[in-house]
Amino acid sequence: KLPLEVLTRVFRFSALLEPPIPWATNLMSGLSLLGWMKVTNVCRLWRQAALGEPTLWADLNLELGRKWATELLARSKSVPLIV
């Protein structure tokens, strides 16, 4: 029942505290390797909130591979990127 602004703010803190593990993109070891991005797998509301907040995706970690870099670019829309 949190407002979306508060929920996405929590996601931003989570992104700072728990980044994805770059080498884990090729492993099938579970959601914990996704870091903060696992919030998109909790429920539809959390997924929509996370995907709808471009600043969450602006940290362009090239170590995640080309596929993720492309996806992060698309999700970050027109916000300034952190490379």
C-alpha atoms as a PDB file:
ATOM      1  CA  LYS A   1       0.000   0.000   0.000  1.00  0.00           C
ATOM      2  CA  LEU A   2       3.024   2.263  -0.329  1.00  0.00           C
ATOM      3  CA  PRO A   3       2.799   5.059  -2.862  1.00  0.00           C
ATOM      4  CA  LEU A   4       4.848   4.262  -5.981  1.00  0.00           C
ATOM      5  CA  GLU A   5       7.216   7.145  -5.231  1.00  0.00           C
ATOM      6  CA  VAL A   6       8.119   5.590  -1.884  1.00  0.00           C
ATOM      7  CA  LEU A   7       8.429   2.115  -3.362  1.00  0.00           C
ATOM      8  CA  THR A   8      10.790   3.262  -6.110  1.00  0.00           C
ATOM      9  CA  ARG A   9      12.818   5.188  -3.529  1.00  0.00           C
ATOM     10  CA  VAL A  10      13.252   1.934  -1.588  1.00  0.00           C
ATOM     11  CA  PHE A  11      14.341   0.276  -4.845  1.00  0.00           C
ATOM     12  CA  ARG A  12      16.977   3.003  -5.352  1.00  0.00           C
ATOM     13  CA  PHE A  13      18.447   2.295  -1.921  1.00  0.00           C
ATOM     14  CA  SER A  14      18.373  -1.404  -2.701  1.00  0.00           C
ATOM     15  CA  ALA A  15      20.208  -0.769  -5.995  1.00  0.00           C
ATOM     16  CA  LEU A  16      22.991   0.986  -4.084  1.00  0.00           C
ATOM     17  CA  LEU A  17      23.278  -1.733  -1.457  1.00  0.00           C
ATOM     18  CA  GLU A  18      22.877  -4.809  -3.632  1.00  0.00           C
ATOM     19  CA  PRO A  19      24.137  -4.443  -7.206  1.00  0.00           C
ATOM     20  CA  PRO A  20      23.880  -7.431  -9.562  1.00  0.00           C
ATOM     21  CA  ILE A  21      26.886  -9.742  -9.782  1.00  0.00           C
ATOM     22  CA  PRO A  22      28.270  -9.344 -13.345  1.00  0.00           C
ATOM     23  CA  TRP A  23      29.529 -12.881 -13.834  1.00  0.00           C
ATOM     24  CA  ALA A  24      26.204 -14.289 -12.668  1.00  0.00           C
ATOM     25  CA  THR A  25      24.387 -13.468 -15.908  1.00  0.00           C
ATOM     26  CA  ASN A  26      25.470 -16.831 -17.348  1.00  0.00           C
ATOM     27  CA  LEU A  27      24.632 -18.859 -14.258  1.00  0.00           C
ATOM     28  CA  MET A  28      21.357 -20.467 -13.282  1.00  0.00           C
ATOM     29  CA  SER A  29      22.044 -20.203  -9.548  1.00  0.00           C
ATOM     30  CA  GLY A  30      19.020 -18.203  -8.443  1.00  0.00           C
ATOM     31  CA  LEU A  31      17.636 -14.723  -8.072  1.00  0.00           C
ATOM     32  CA  SER A  32      20.119 -13.636  -5.411  1.00  0.00           C
ATOM     33  CA  LEU A  33      22.724 -13.084  -8.152  1.00  0.00           C
ATOM     34  CA  LEU A  34      20.499 -10.470  -9.772  1.00  0.00           C
ATOM     35  CA  GLY A  35      21.009  -8.198  -6.790  1.00  0.00           C
ATOM     36  CA  TRP A  36      18.394  -5.490  -6.429  1.00  0.00           C
ATOM     37  CA  MET A  37      16.826  -6.414  -9.796  1.00  0.00           C
ATOM     38  CA  LYS A  38      15.140  -9.409  -8.169  1.00  0.00           C
ATOM     39  CA  VAL A  39      12.441  -6.975  -6.949  1.00  0.00           C
ATOM     40  CA  THR A  40      10.991  -7.194 -10.463  1.00  0.00           C
ATOM     41  CA  ASN A  41      10.123 -10.835  -9.730  1.00  0.00           C
ATOM     42  CA  VAL A  42       8.142 -10.243  -6.537  1.00  0.00           C
ATOM     43  CA  CYS A  43       4.776  -9.191  -7.940  1.00  0.00           C
ATOM     44  CA  ARG A  44       3.227  -7.300 -10.828  1.00  0.00           C
ATOM     45  CA  LEU A  45       3.053  -4.008  -8.922  1.00  0.00           C
ATOM     46  CA  TRP A  46       6.745  -4.128  -7.959  1.00  0.00           C
ATOM     47  CA  ARG A  47       7.733  -5.050 -11.512  1.00  0.00           C
ATOM     48  CA  GLN A  48       5.713  -2.185 -13.000  1.00  0.00           C
ATOM     49  CA  ALA A  49       7.117   0.243 -10.423  1.00  0.00           C
ATOM     50  CA  ALA A  50      10.714  -0.783 -11.106  1.00  0.00           C
ATOM     51  CA  LEU A  51      10.384  -0.894 -14.885  1.00  0.00           C
ATOM     52  CA  GLY A  52       8.577   2.442 -14.881  1.00  0.00           C
ATOM     53  CA  GLU A  53      11.380   4.253 -13.039  1.00  0.00           C
ATOM     54  CA  PRO A  54      14.156   5.005 -15.571  1.00  0.00           C
ATOM     55  CA  THR A  55      16.646   6.231 -12.953  1.00  0.00           C
ATOM     56  CA  LEU A  56      16.851   2.699 -11.556  1.00  0.00           C
ATOM     57  CA  TRP A  57      18.297   1.489 -14.849  1.00  0.00           C
ATOM     58  CA  ALA A  58      20.681   4.366 -15.564  1.00  0.00           C
ATOM     59  CA  ASP A  59      23.738   2.667 -14.048  1.00  0.00           C
ATOM     60  CA  LEU A  60      25.108   1.110 -17.224  1.00  0.00           C
ATOM     61  CA  ASN A  61      27.310  -1.729 -15.994  1.00  0.00           C
ATOM     62  CA  LEU A  62      29.046  -3.003 -19.121  1.00  0.00           C
ATOM     63  CA  GLU A  63      30.339  -6.038 -17.238  1.00  0.00           C
ATOM     64  CA  LEU A  64      26.826  -7.475 -17.375  1.00  0.00           C
ATOM     65  CA  GLY A  65      27.245  -8.110 -21.098  1.00  0.00           C
ATOM     66  CA  ARG A  66      25.849  -6.705 -24.309  1.00  0.00           C
ATOM     67  CA  LYS A  67      22.321  -8.071 -23.815  1.00  0.00           C
ATOM     68  CA  TRP A  68      21.931  -6.426 -20.397  1.00  0.00           C
ATOM     69  CA  ALA A  69      23.613  -3.215 -21.552  1.00  0.00           C
ATOM     70  CA  THR A  70      21.069  -2.938 -24.361  1.00  0.00           C
ATOM     71  CA  GLU A  71      18.216  -3.655 -21.959  1.00  0.00           C
ATOM     72  CA  LEU A  72      19.473  -1.112 -19.422  1.00  0.00           C
ATOM     73  CA  LEU A  73      19.711   1.529 -22.146  1.00  0.00           C
ATOM     74  CA  ALA A  74      16.122   0.880 -23.184  1.00  0.00           C
ATOM     75  CA  ARG A  75      14.822   0.906 -19.602  1.00  0.00           C
ATOM     76  CA  SER A  76      16.711   4.072 -18.654  1.00  0.00           C
ATOM     77  CA  LYS A  77      14.886   5.980 -21.411  1.00  0.00           C
ATOM     78  CA  SER A  78      16.349   9.509 -21.618  1.00  0.00           C
ATOM     79  CA  VAL A  79      17.810   9.940 -18.120  1.00  0.00           C
ATOM     80  CA  PRO A  80      21.539  10.637 -17.804  1.00  0.00           C
ATOM     81  CA  LEU A  81      23.572   7.441 -17.664  1.00  0.00           C
ATOM     82  CA  ILE A  82      26.245   6.362 -15.212  1.00  0.00           C
ATOM     83  CA  VAL A  83      28.911   4.374 -17.070  1.00  0.00           C
END
